[in-house]
Amino acid sequence: MPARRFSFHFSPIYRLPARALGIHRSTAYVKVGDGMFEARFGPWQVKTPLANVVGASVTGPYLVPKTIGGAHLSFADRGLTFATNARRGACITFRQPVPGIEPLGLLRHPGLTVTVDDPEGLVAALEGSSGDVLTPGTDGSKPEDPSSSEHVEDLIAEAGRLDGLTEPSVEPDDDEDDGEQDDELVAEDEDGLAAALDDALDEVQDDVEDLVDDVVEQLEVEDLDVDEVDAAQPAGGTAAGRGADIRDEDGNGIDDDVEQAAEDRLHTMTARELREFADERGVRHTSSMKKAALVALLEEDLSREELVDELAPEG
């Protein structure tokens, strides 16, 4: 089959850290065809025969601290992540682990997550290029994914450690007469831990929002027109962009740059603007909901066509 190329989808907060590492549209892509699977992510590259691909599935969303920047390595199972947004991507598993994180190939990875424009298309292309039915893994297991609940638990544990939180413990009582009192003590400790974890998670979310604000502010200070920079890249970088495959209600193609501009607008809106926009669309939310949560809620509610219709700049 002829090679098919999939571009990465860049969210605004990911662009600046990625560019600092040489990751942009012309250096970040996935190619499937001619018997090979290739993923390039700036200076990082994974290349293996298609016969070595045994699993592919759409995953997401992901945690920003676990995915922003360059290639990310999972210390749980050595899985590799090439991410340019926190919304969704494709997780590919291999029969034989492949090199990628370091140039000598000493460390090998059983799986790779890539946040391409069209993760469903990538999964379909891998399925179509394999003579076997793709499965999550040769042993039925699946490499750790940045969207897994274990990452959330890791983040909670780290937040708890930083705040000096400790797991409540209740000494067992062999006296059956004191059983009811022990149950009440456990319930009180669990309530206290839950409240403390909620506070820790709020602080983590605030830190993420501060990161978003810092990146946006730096873009404004440097007067960096990201769309103009992208337009200056070689045409090959967007040859397989999603604009060619997306249609609006009238069957007209949606331009890739127009959709990106609409998404950029969504991510740079203030919390108040996001709440007003959610109210206009009838999306339920709380008045105390943070900006990052509002963006994720609206991204879930908006189709790509609606995103362009509502937020793309005119002209």
C-alpha atoms as a PDB file:
ATOM      1  CA  MET A   1       0.000   0.000   0.000  1.00  0.00           C
ATOM      2  CA  PRO A   2       1.267   3.559  -0.661  1.00  0.00           C
ATOM      3  CA  ALA A   3       2.613   5.380   2.364  1.00  0.00           C
ATOM      4  CA  ARG A   4       0.119   7.559   4.234  1.00  0.00           C
ATOM      5  CA  ARG A   5       1.264  10.473   6.386  1.00  0.00           C
ATOM      6  CA  PHE A   6      -0.477  11.760   9.525  1.00  0.00           C
ATOM      7  CA  SER A   7       0.347  15.202  10.944  1.00  0.00           C
ATOM      8  CA  PHE A   8       0.299  16.033  14.651  1.00  0.00           C
ATOM      9  CA  HIS A   9      -2.386  18.329  16.053  1.00  0.00           C
ATOM     10  CA  PHE A  10      -0.835  21.172  18.102  1.00  0.00           C
ATOM     11  CA  SER A  11      -2.752  22.795  20.959  1.00  0.00           C
ATOM     12  CA  PRO A  12      -1.674  26.376  21.781  1.00  0.00           C
ATOM     13  CA  ILE A  13      -0.046  25.611  25.150  1.00  0.00           C
ATOM     14  CA  TYR A  14       2.034  22.820  23.583  1.00  0.00           C
ATOM     15  CA  ARG A  15       3.428  24.800  20.640  1.00  0.00           C
ATOM     16  CA  LEU A  16       6.066  26.961  22.332  1.00  0.00           C
ATOM     17  CA  PRO A  17       7.675  24.186  24.442  1.00  0.00           C
ATOM     18  CA  ALA A  18       7.631  21.916  21.388  1.00  0.00           C
ATOM     19  CA  ARG A  19       9.312  24.498  19.144  1.00  0.00           C
ATOM     20  CA  ALA A  20      12.096  24.933  21.690  1.00  0.00           C
ATOM     21  CA  LEU A  21      12.894  21.245  21.090  1.00  0.00           C
ATOM     22  CA  GLY A  22      12.648  21.415  17.295  1.00  0.00           C
ATOM     23  CA  ILE A  23       9.132  19.937  17.155  1.00  0.00           C
ATOM     24  CA  HIS A  24       6.751  21.525  14.626  1.00  0.00           C
ATOM     25  CA  ARG A  25       4.522  20.489  11.742  1.00  0.00           C
ATOM     26  CA  SER A  26       7.329  19.576   9.361  1.00  0.00           C
ATOM     27  CA  THR A  27       9.253  17.538  11.959  1.00  0.00           C
ATOM     28  CA  ALA A  28       6.335  15.795  13.693  1.00  0.00           C
ATOM     29  CA  TYR A  29       4.416  13.150  11.759  1.00  0.00           C
ATOM     30  CA  VAL A  30       3.545   9.459  11.471  1.00  0.00           C
ATOM     31  CA  LYS A  31       3.961   7.487   8.231  1.00  0.00           C
ATOM     32  CA  VAL A  32       2.335   4.141   7.493  1.00  0.00           C
ATOM     33  CA  GLY A  33       3.068   2.231   4.288  1.00  0.00           C
ATOM     34  CA  ASP A  34       5.619   0.321   2.236  1.00  0.00           C
ATOM     35  CA  GLY A  35       5.731  -2.251   5.011  1.00  0.00           C
ATOM     36  CA  MET A  36       6.984   0.230   7.635  1.00  0.00           C
ATOM     37  CA  PHE A  37       5.661   2.273  10.548  1.00  0.00           C
ATOM     38  CA  GLU A  38       7.551   5.505  11.245  1.00  0.00           C
ATOM     39  CA  ALA A  39       6.876   8.198  13.854  1.00  0.00           C
ATOM     40  CA  ARG A  40       9.044  11.316  13.991  1.00  0.00           C
ATOM     41  CA  PHE A  41       8.861  13.869  16.807  1.00  0.00           C
ATOM     42  CA  GLY A  42      11.582  16.473  16.346  1.00  0.00           C
ATOM     43  CA  PRO A  43      14.841  14.739  17.317  1.00  0.00           C
ATOM     44  CA  TRP A  44      13.048  11.523  18.361  1.00  0.00           C
ATOM     45  CA  GLN A  45      12.093   8.756  15.966  1.00  0.00           C
ATOM     46  CA  VAL A  46      10.446   5.337  16.144  1.00  0.00           C
ATOM     47  CA  LYS A  47      10.690   3.107  13.075  1.00  0.00           C
ATOM     48  CA  THR A  48       9.696  -0.553  12.822  1.00  0.00           C
ATOM     49  CA  PRO A  49       8.172  -2.998  10.290  1.00  0.00           C
ATOM     50  CA  LEU A  50       4.371  -2.999  10.212  1.00  0.00           C
ATOM     51  CA  ALA A  51       4.511  -6.703  11.027  1.00  0.00           C
ATOM     52  CA  ASN A  52       5.753  -5.681  14.473  1.00  0.00           C
ATOM     53  CA  VAL A  53       2.575  -3.643  15.187  1.00  0.00           C
ATOM     54  CA  VAL A  54       0.115  -5.783  17.159  1.00  0.00           C
ATOM     55  CA  GLY A  55      -2.266  -3.225  18.653  1.00  0.00           C
ATOM     56  CA  ALA A  56      -3.745   0.223  18.000  1.00  0.00           C
ATOM     57  CA  SER A  57      -6.530   2.165  19.722  1.00  0.00           C
ATOM     58  CA  VAL A  58      -7.769   5.734  20.211  1.00  0.00           C
ATOM     59  CA  THR A  59      -7.039   7.120  23.691  1.00  0.00           C
ATOM     60  CA  GLY A  60      -7.305  10.372  25.650  1.00  0.00           C
ATOM     61  CA  PRO A  61      -7.636  12.849  27.206  1.00  0.00           C
ATOM     62  CA  TYR A  62      -4.232  13.161  28.850  1.00  0.00           C
ATOM     63  CA  LEU A  63      -2.703  15.106  31.736  1.00  0.00           C
ATOM     64  CA  VAL A  64      -0.794  18.182  30.534  1.00  0.00           C
ATOM     65  CA  PRO A  65       2.148  17.805  32.974  1.00  0.00           C
ATOM     66  CA  LYS A  66       2.593  14.206  31.790  1.00  0.00           C
ATOM     67  CA  THR A  67       2.661  15.053  28.063  1.00  0.00           C
ATOM     68  CA  ILE A  68       3.759  18.658  27.364  1.00  0.00           C
ATOM     69  CA  GLY A  69       7.224  19.246  25.871  1.00  0.00           C
ATOM     70  CA  GLY A  70       9.342  16.546  24.266  1.00  0.00           C
ATOM     71  CA  ALA A  71       9.089  12.774  24.277  1.00  0.00           C
ATOM     72  CA  HIS A  72       7.853  11.305  27.573  1.00  0.00           C
ATOM     73  CA  LEU A  73       8.878   7.955  29.035  1.00  0.00           C
ATOM     74  CA  SER A  74       6.640   5.957  31.368  1.00  0.00           C
ATOM     75  CA  PHE A  75       8.681   4.582  34.255  1.00  0.00           C
ATOM     76  CA  ALA A  76       5.946   2.013  34.891  1.00  0.00           C
ATOM     77  CA  ASP A  77       6.358   0.041  31.644  1.00  0.00           C
ATOM     78  CA  ARG A  78       8.780   2.106  29.459  1.00  0.00           C
ATOM     79  CA  GLY A  79       5.962   3.218  27.137  1.00  0.00           C
ATOM     80  CA  LEU A  80       6.792   6.269  24.986  1.00  0.00           C
ATOM     81  CA  THR A  81       4.583   9.319  24.314  1.00  0.00           C
ATOM     82  CA  PHE A  82       4.834  11.885  21.498  1.00  0.00           C
ATOM     83  CA  ALA A  83       2.180  14.483  22.452  1.00  0.00           C
ATOM     84  CA  THR A  84       1.210  17.895  21.068  1.00  0.00           C
ATOM     85  CA  ASN A  85      -2.216  18.167  22.719  1.00  0.00           C
ATOM     86  CA  ALA A  86      -4.033  16.799  25.750  1.00  0.00           C
ATOM     87  CA  ARG A  87      -7.253  15.817  23.979  1.00  0.00           C
ATOM     88  CA  ARG A  88      -6.672  12.480  22.282  1.00  0.00           C
ATOM     89  CA  GLY A  89      -4.366  10.363  20.176  1.00  0.00           C
ATOM     90  CA  ALA A  90      -3.585   6.779  19.203  1.00  0.00           C
ATOM     91  CA  CYS A  91      -1.767   4.183  21.312  1.00  0.00           C
ATOM     92  CA  ILE A  92       0.237   1.656  19.255  1.00  0.00           C
ATOM     93  CA  THR A  93       1.684  -1.522  20.754  1.00  0.00           C
ATOM     94  CA  PHE A  94       4.512  -3.630  19.349  1.00  0.00           C
ATOM     95  CA  ARG A  95       5.282  -7.349  19.327  1.00  0.00           C
ATOM     96  CA  GLN A  96       8.933  -6.619  19.969  1.00  0.00           C
ATOM     97  CA  PRO A  97       9.804  -3.413  21.924  1.00  0.00           C
ATOM     98  CA  VAL A  98      11.362  -0.667  19.800  1.00  0.00           C
ATOM     99  CA  PRO A  99      14.030   2.018  20.465  1.00  0.00           C
ATOM    100  CA  GLY A 100      13.115   5.683  20.492  1.00  0.00           C
ATOM    101  CA  ILE A 101      13.881   7.730  23.605  1.00  0.00           C
ATOM    102  CA  GLU A 102      17.677   7.634  23.260  1.00  0.00           C
ATOM    103  CA  PRO A 103      19.925   7.347  20.197  1.00  0.00           C
ATOM    104  CA  LEU A 104      21.792   4.165  21.176  1.00  0.00           C
ATOM    105  CA  GLY A 105      18.650   2.013  21.283  1.00  0.00           C
ATOM    106  CA  LEU A 106      19.532   0.534  24.662  1.00  0.00           C
ATOM    107  CA  LEU A 107      16.112   1.380  26.118  1.00  0.00           C
ATOM    108  CA  ARG A 108      13.185  -0.128  24.231  1.00  0.00           C
ATOM    109  CA  HIS A 109       9.463   0.589  24.375  1.00  0.00           C
ATOM    110  CA  PRO A 110       6.496  -1.809  24.147  1.00  0.00           C
ATOM    111  CA  GLY A 111       4.129   0.949  23.061  1.00  0.00           C
ATOM    112  CA  LEU A 112       3.903   4.467  21.630  1.00  0.00           C
ATOM    113  CA  THR A 113       1.195   7.135  22.011  1.00  0.00           C
ATOM    114  CA  VAL A 114       0.973   9.791  19.259  1.00  0.00           C
ATOM    115  CA  THR A 115      -1.463  12.743  19.184  1.00  0.00           C
ATOM    116  CA  VAL A 116      -2.035  12.913  15.435  1.00  0.00           C
ATOM    117  CA  ASP A 117      -4.803  14.912  13.728  1.00  0.00           C
ATOM    118  CA  ASP A 118      -6.742  11.796  12.802  1.00  0.00           C
ATOM    119  CA  PRO A 119      -6.191   9.032  15.381  1.00  0.00           C
ATOM    120  CA  GLU A 120      -9.107   6.986  14.021  1.00  0.00           C
ATOM    121  CA  GLY A 121      -7.582   7.152  10.553  1.00  0.00           C
ATOM    122  CA  LEU A 122      -4.213   6.033  11.885  1.00  0.00           C
ATOM    123  CA  VAL A 123      -5.793   3.069  13.695  1.00  0.00           C
ATOM    124  CA  ALA A 124      -7.683   2.129  10.520  1.00  0.00           C
ATOM    125  CA  ALA A 125      -4.514   2.412   8.419  1.00  0.00           C
ATOM    126  CA  LEU A 126      -2.634   0.127  10.796  1.00  0.00           C
ATOM    127  CA  GLU A 127      -5.483  -2.372  10.797  1.00  0.00           C
ATOM    128  CA  GLY A 128      -5.625  -2.307   7.001  1.00  0.00           C
ATOM    129  CA  SER A 129      -1.896  -2.859   6.672  1.00  0.00           C
ATOM    130  CA  SER A 130      -1.838  -5.875   8.994  1.00  0.00           C
ATOM    131  CA  GLY A 131      -2.884  -9.338   7.953  1.00  0.00           C
ATOM    132  CA  ASP A 132      -3.727 -10.161  11.568  1.00  0.00           C
ATOM    133  CA  VAL A 133      -6.387  -8.760  13.850  1.00  0.00           C
ATOM    134  CA  LEU A 134      -4.756  -6.118  16.003  1.00  0.00           C
ATOM    135  CA  THR A 135      -4.928  -6.808  19.716  1.00  0.00           C
ATOM    136  CA  PRO A 136      -3.886  -4.701  22.737  1.00  0.00           C
ATOM    137  CA  GLY A 137      -0.730  -6.777  23.159  1.00  0.00           C
ATOM    138  CA  THR A 138       0.761 -10.207  22.708  1.00  0.00           C
ATOM    139  CA  ASP A 139       0.015 -11.118  26.306  1.00  0.00           C
ATOM    140  CA  GLY A 140      -3.334  -9.348  26.506  1.00  0.00           C
ATOM    141  CA  SER A 141      -1.803  -6.416  28.360  1.00  0.00           C
ATOM    142  CA  LYS A 142      -1.504  -2.837  27.192  1.00  0.00           C
ATOM    143  CA  PRO A 143       1.318  -0.331  27.722  1.00  0.00           C
ATOM    144  CA  GLU A 144       0.648   2.437  30.183  1.00  0.00           C
ATOM    145  CA  ASP A 145      -1.226   5.259  28.439  1.00  0.00           C
ATOM    146  CA  PRO A 146      -0.980   8.958  29.448  1.00  0.00           C
ATOM    147  CA  SER A 147      -4.789   8.950  29.796  1.00  0.00           C
ATOM    148  CA  SER A 148      -4.910   6.011  32.240  1.00  0.00           C
ATOM    149  CA  SER A 149      -6.310   6.351  35.731  1.00  0.00           C
ATOM    150  CA  GLU A 150      -2.910   5.351  37.120  1.00  0.00           C
ATOM    151  CA  HIS A 151      -1.522   8.721  35.996  1.00  0.00           C
ATOM    152  CA  VAL A 152      -4.284  10.509  37.881  1.00  0.00           C
ATOM    153  CA  GLU A 153      -3.472   8.449  40.950  1.00  0.00           C
ATOM    154  CA  ASP A 154       0.223   9.278  40.544  1.00  0.00           C
ATOM    155  CA  LEU A 155      -0.577  13.000  40.365  1.00  0.00           C
ATOM    156  CA  ILE A 156      -2.775  12.773  43.480  1.00  0.00           C
ATOM    157  CA  ALA A 157      -0.049  10.892  45.329  1.00  0.00           C
ATOM    158  CA  GLU A 158       2.558  13.493  44.369  1.00  0.00           C
ATOM    159  CA  ALA A 159       0.282  16.351  45.394  1.00  0.00           C
ATOM    160  CA  GLY A 160      -0.305  14.609  48.706  1.00  0.00           C
ATOM    161  CA  ARG A 161       3.413  14.136  49.262  1.00  0.00           C
ATOM    162  CA  LEU A 162       4.132  17.812  48.622  1.00  0.00           C
ATOM    163  CA  ASP A 163       1.460  18.892  51.062  1.00  0.00           C
ATOM    164  CA  GLY A 164       2.674  16.478  53.740  1.00  0.00           C
ATOM    165  CA  LEU A 165      -0.378  14.297  53.498  1.00  0.00           C
ATOM    166  CA  THR A 166      -0.235  10.752  54.822  1.00  0.00           C
ATOM    167  CA  GLU A 167      -2.486   7.801  54.309  1.00  0.00           C
ATOM    168  CA  PRO A 168      -4.776   7.440  57.374  1.00  0.00           C
ATOM    169  CA  SER A 169      -4.335   4.246  59.242  1.00  0.00           C
ATOM    170  CA  VAL A 170      -6.516   2.638  61.883  1.00  0.00           C
ATOM    171  CA  GLU A 171      -5.105   0.005  64.194  1.00  0.00           C
ATOM    172  CA  PRO A 172      -7.264  -3.128  64.159  1.00  0.00           C
ATOM    173  CA  ASP A 173      -9.114  -3.901  67.352  1.00  0.00           C
ATOM    174  CA  ASP A 174      -9.622  -7.516  68.277  1.00  0.00           C
ATOM    175  CA  ASP A 175     -12.445  -6.615  70.630  1.00  0.00           C
ATOM    176  CA  GLU A 176     -15.715  -7.058  68.726  1.00  0.00           C
ATOM    177  CA  ASP A 177     -17.476  -4.639  71.079  1.00  0.00           C
ATOM    178  CA  ASP A 178     -15.384  -1.773  69.681  1.00  0.00           C
ATOM    179  CA  GLY A 179     -16.147  -2.564  66.008  1.00  0.00           C
ATOM    180  CA  GLU A 180     -18.697   0.218  65.580  1.00  0.00           C
ATOM    181  CA  GLN A 181     -16.329   2.792  67.060  1.00  0.00           C
ATOM    182  CA  ASP A 182     -13.570   1.693  64.672  1.00  0.00           C
ATOM    183  CA  ASP A 183     -15.916   2.105  61.672  1.00  0.00           C
ATOM    184  CA  GLU A 184     -16.685   5.672  62.728  1.00  0.00           C
ATOM    185  CA  LEU A 185     -12.966   6.446  63.087  1.00  0.00           C
ATOM    186  CA  VAL A 186     -12.231   5.076  59.602  1.00  0.00           C
ATOM    187  CA  ALA A 187     -15.065   7.138  58.098  1.00  0.00           C
ATOM    188  CA  GLU A 188     -13.792  10.328  59.747  1.00  0.00           C
ATOM    189  CA  ASP A 189     -10.224   9.728  58.517  1.00  0.00           C
ATOM    190  CA  GLU A 190     -11.428   8.987  54.982  1.00  0.00           C
ATOM    191  CA  ASP A 191     -13.488  12.195  54.918  1.00  0.00           C
ATOM    192  CA  GLY A 192     -10.476  14.188  56.075  1.00  0.00           C
ATOM    193  CA  LEU A 193      -8.216  12.621  53.470  1.00  0.00           C
ATOM    194  CA  ALA A 194     -10.761  13.240  50.691  1.00  0.00           C
ATOM    195  CA  ALA A 195     -11.012  16.916  51.639  1.00  0.00           C
ATOM    196  CA  ALA A 196      -7.226  17.258  51.741  1.00  0.00           C
ATOM    197  CA  LEU A 197      -6.850  15.571  48.352  1.00  0.00           C
ATOM    198  CA  ASP A 198      -9.480  17.897  46.869  1.00  0.00           C
ATOM    199  CA  ASP A 199      -7.455  20.878  48.075  1.00  0.00           C
ATOM    200  CA  ALA A 200      -4.258  19.389  46.642  1.00  0.00           C
ATOM    201  CA  LEU A 201      -5.903  18.758  43.277  1.00  0.00           C
ATOM    202  CA  ASP A 202      -7.190  22.341  43.186  1.00  0.00           C
ATOM    203  CA  GLU A 203      -3.625  23.571  43.697  1.00  0.00           C
ATOM    204  CA  VAL A 204      -2.343  21.312  40.898  1.00  0.00           C
ATOM    205  CA  GLN A 205      -5.076  22.574  38.562  1.00  0.00           C
ATOM    206  CA  ASP A 206      -4.198  26.170  39.443  1.00  0.00           C
ATOM    207  CA  ASP A 207      -0.547  25.437  38.581  1.00  0.00           C
ATOM    208  CA  VAL A 208      -1.583  24.099  35.172  1.00  0.00           C
ATOM    209  CA  GLU A 209      -3.700  27.192  34.508  1.00  0.00           C
ATOM    210  CA  ASP A 210      -0.782  29.409  35.506  1.00  0.00           C
ATOM    211  CA  LEU A 211       1.356  27.532  32.953  1.00  0.00           C
ATOM    212  CA  VAL A 212      -1.255  28.213  30.271  1.00  0.00           C
ATOM    213  CA  ASP A 213      -1.399  31.910  31.164  1.00  0.00           C
ATOM    214  CA  ASP A 214       2.413  32.192  31.146  1.00  0.00           C
ATOM    215  CA  VAL A 215       2.663  30.647  27.662  1.00  0.00           C
ATOM    216  CA  VAL A 216      -0.097  32.873  26.260  1.00  0.00           C
ATOM    217  CA  GLU A 217       1.510  35.959  27.829  1.00  0.00           C
ATOM    218  CA  GLN A 218       4.896  35.067  26.367  1.00  0.00           C
ATOM    219  CA  LEU A 219       3.348  34.657  22.923  1.00  0.00           C
ATOM    220  CA  GLU A 220       1.795  38.105  23.219  1.00  0.00           C
ATOM    221  CA  VAL A 221       5.013  39.707  24.459  1.00  0.00           C
ATOM    222  CA  GLU A 222       7.069  38.260  21.634  1.00  0.00           C
ATOM    223  CA  ASP A 223       4.312  39.062  19.138  1.00  0.00           C
ATOM    224  CA  LEU A 224       4.761  35.572  17.704  1.00  0.00           C
ATOM    225  CA  ASP A 225       2.280  34.819  14.933  1.00  0.00           C
ATOM    226  CA  VAL A 226       2.249  31.028  15.102  1.00  0.00           C
ATOM    227  CA  ASP A 227       0.070  30.639  12.023  1.00  0.00           C
ATOM    228  CA  GLU A 228       2.529  32.640   9.904  1.00  0.00           C
ATOM    229  CA  VAL A 229       5.405  30.524  11.188  1.00  0.00           C
ATOM    230  CA  ASP A 230       3.525  27.348  10.319  1.00  0.00           C
ATOM    231  CA  ALA A 231       2.735  28.684   6.842  1.00  0.00           C
ATOM    232  CA  ALA A 232       6.451  29.157   6.237  1.00  0.00           C
ATOM    233  CA  GLN A 233       7.150  25.459   6.828  1.00  0.00           C
ATOM    234  CA  PRO A 234       7.463  23.099   3.832  1.00  0.00           C
ATOM    235  CA  ALA A 235       4.168  21.998   2.348  1.00  0.00           C
ATOM    236  CA  GLY A 236       4.909  18.373   3.187  1.00  0.00           C
ATOM    237  CA  GLY A 237       4.305  19.106   6.855  1.00  0.00           C
ATOM    238  CA  THR A 238       0.568  19.419   6.324  1.00  0.00           C
ATOM    239  CA  ALA A 239       0.103  17.094   3.373  1.00  0.00           C
ATOM    240  CA  ALA A 240      -2.039  14.769   5.424  1.00  0.00           C
ATOM    241  CA  GLY A 241      -3.677  17.463   7.567  1.00  0.00           C
ATOM    242  CA  ARG A 242      -7.164  16.945   8.736  1.00  0.00           C
ATOM    243  CA  GLY A 243      -8.552  19.808   6.612  1.00  0.00           C
ATOM    244  CA  ALA A 244      -8.652  17.570   3.553  1.00  0.00           C
ATOM    245  CA  ASP A 245     -10.777  14.969   5.298  1.00  0.00           C
ATOM    246  CA  ILE A 246     -13.226  17.141   7.310  1.00  0.00           C
ATOM    247  CA  ARG A 247     -16.453  18.436   5.832  1.00  0.00           C
ATOM    248  CA  ASP A 248     -18.993  20.910   7.111  1.00  0.00           C
ATOM    249  CA  GLU A 249     -22.795  20.500   6.872  1.00  0.00           C
ATOM    250  CA  ASP A 250     -22.798  21.616   3.220  1.00  0.00           C
ATOM    251  CA  GLY A 251     -20.061  19.170   2.247  1.00  0.00           C
ATOM    252  CA  ASN A 252     -17.391  21.867   1.964  1.00  0.00           C
ATOM    253  CA  GLY A 253     -13.899  21.131   3.220  1.00  0.00           C
ATOM    254  CA  ILE A 254     -12.790  22.835   6.435  1.00  0.00           C
ATOM    255  CA  ASP A 255      -9.394  24.458   6.135  1.00  0.00           C
ATOM    256  CA  ASP A 256      -6.830  23.147   8.606  1.00  0.00           C
ATOM    257  CA  ASP A 257      -5.589  26.626   9.529  1.00  0.00           C
ATOM    258  CA  VAL A 258      -9.147  27.861  10.079  1.00  0.00           C
ATOM    259  CA  GLU A 259      -9.893  25.017  12.474  1.00  0.00           C
ATOM    260  CA  GLN A 260      -6.612  25.577  14.313  1.00  0.00           C
ATOM    261  CA  ALA A 261      -7.414  29.286  14.659  1.00  0.00           C
ATOM    262  CA  ALA A 262     -10.818  28.387  16.121  1.00  0.00           C
ATOM    263  CA  GLU A 263      -9.243  26.057  18.653  1.00  0.00           C
ATOM    264  CA  ASP A 264      -6.611  28.662  19.509  1.00  0.00           C
ATOM    265  CA  ARG A 265      -9.421  31.094  20.221  1.00  0.00           C
ATOM    266  CA  LEU A 266     -11.119  28.602  22.559  1.00  0.00           C
ATOM    267  CA  HIS A 267      -7.922  28.061  24.545  1.00  0.00           C
ATOM    268  CA  THR A 268      -7.147  31.790  24.887  1.00  0.00           C
ATOM    269  CA  MET A 269     -10.615  32.839  26.082  1.00  0.00           C
ATOM    270  CA  THR A 270     -10.862  33.987  29.686  1.00  0.00           C
ATOM    271  CA  ALA A 271     -12.739  31.937  32.263  1.00  0.00           C
ATOM    272  CA  ARG A 272     -15.585  34.462  32.174  1.00  0.00           C
ATOM    273  CA  GLU A 273     -15.824  34.279  28.366  1.00  0.00           C
ATOM    274  CA  LEU A 274     -15.807  30.483  28.538  1.00  0.00           C
ATOM    275  CA  ARG A 275     -18.643  30.483  31.087  1.00  0.00           C
ATOM    276  CA  GLU A 276     -20.689  32.863  28.903  1.00  0.00           C
ATOM    277  CA  PHE A 277     -20.002  30.717  25.853  1.00  0.00           C
ATOM    278  CA  ALA A 278     -21.042  27.588  27.773  1.00  0.00           C
ATOM    279  CA  ASP A 279     -24.255  29.325  28.885  1.00  0.00           C
ATOM    280  CA  GLU A 280     -25.068  30.283  25.285  1.00  0.00           C
ATOM    281  CA  ARG A 281     -24.681  26.656  24.209  1.00  0.00           C
ATOM    282  CA  GLY A 282     -26.638  25.331  27.172  1.00  0.00           C
ATOM    283  CA  VAL A 283     -23.630  23.423  28.536  1.00  0.00           C
ATOM    284  CA  ARG A 284     -24.050  22.759  32.250  1.00  0.00           C
ATOM    285  CA  HIS A 285     -21.199  23.895  34.492  1.00  0.00           C
ATOM    286  CA  THR A 286     -20.575  25.251  37.964  1.00  0.00           C
ATOM    287  CA  SER A 287     -19.751  28.887  38.629  1.00  0.00           C
ATOM    288  CA  SER A 288     -16.514  27.836  40.355  1.00  0.00           C
ATOM    289  CA  MET A 289     -15.283  25.638  37.481  1.00  0.00           C
ATOM    290  CA  LYS A 290     -11.698  26.403  36.487  1.00  0.00           C
ATOM    291  CA  LYS A 291     -10.624  27.535  33.020  1.00  0.00           C
ATOM    292  CA  ALA A 292      -8.945  24.250  32.089  1.00  0.00           C
ATOM    293  CA  ALA A 293     -12.069  22.302  33.044  1.00  0.00           C
ATOM    294  CA  LEU A 294     -14.299  24.676  31.050  1.00  0.00           C
ATOM    295  CA  VAL A 295     -12.117  24.268  27.951  1.00  0.00           C
ATOM    296  CA  ALA A 296     -12.235  20.470  28.259  1.00  0.00           C
ATOM    297  CA  LEU A 297     -16.022  20.578  28.753  1.00  0.00           C
ATOM    298  CA  LEU A 298     -16.580  22.741  25.673  1.00  0.00           C
ATOM    299  CA  GLU A 299     -14.187  20.665  23.553  1.00  0.00           C
ATOM    300  CA  GLU A 300     -16.242  17.613  24.473  1.00  0.00           C
ATOM    301  CA  ASP A 301     -19.495  19.391  23.524  1.00  0.00           C
ATOM    302  CA  LEU A 302     -18.345  21.029  20.262  1.00  0.00           C
ATOM    303  CA  SER A 303     -18.027  19.088  17.050  1.00  0.00           C
ATOM    304  CA  ARG A 304     -15.240  20.255  14.729  1.00  0.00           C
ATOM    305  CA  GLU A 305     -17.779  21.896  12.425  1.00  0.00           C
ATOM    306  CA  GLU A 306     -19.382  23.749  15.346  1.00  0.00           C
ATOM    307  CA  LEU A 307     -15.964  24.811  16.621  1.00  0.00           C
ATOM    308  CA  VAL A 308     -15.184  26.470  13.290  1.00  0.00           C
ATOM    309  CA  ASP A 309     -18.674  28.016  12.936  1.00  0.00           C
ATOM    310  CA  GLU A 310     -18.631  29.467  16.444  1.00  0.00           C
ATOM    311  CA  LEU A 311     -15.038  30.587  16.936  1.00  0.00           C
ATOM    312  CA  ALA A 312     -13.168  30.812  13.606  1.00  0.00           C
ATOM    313  CA  PRO A 313     -12.246  34.399  12.673  1.00  0.00           C
ATOM    314  CA  GLU A 314     -14.255  35.832   9.796  1.00  0.00           C
ATOM    315  CA  GLY A 315     -12.636  36.316   6.438  1.00  0.00           C
END
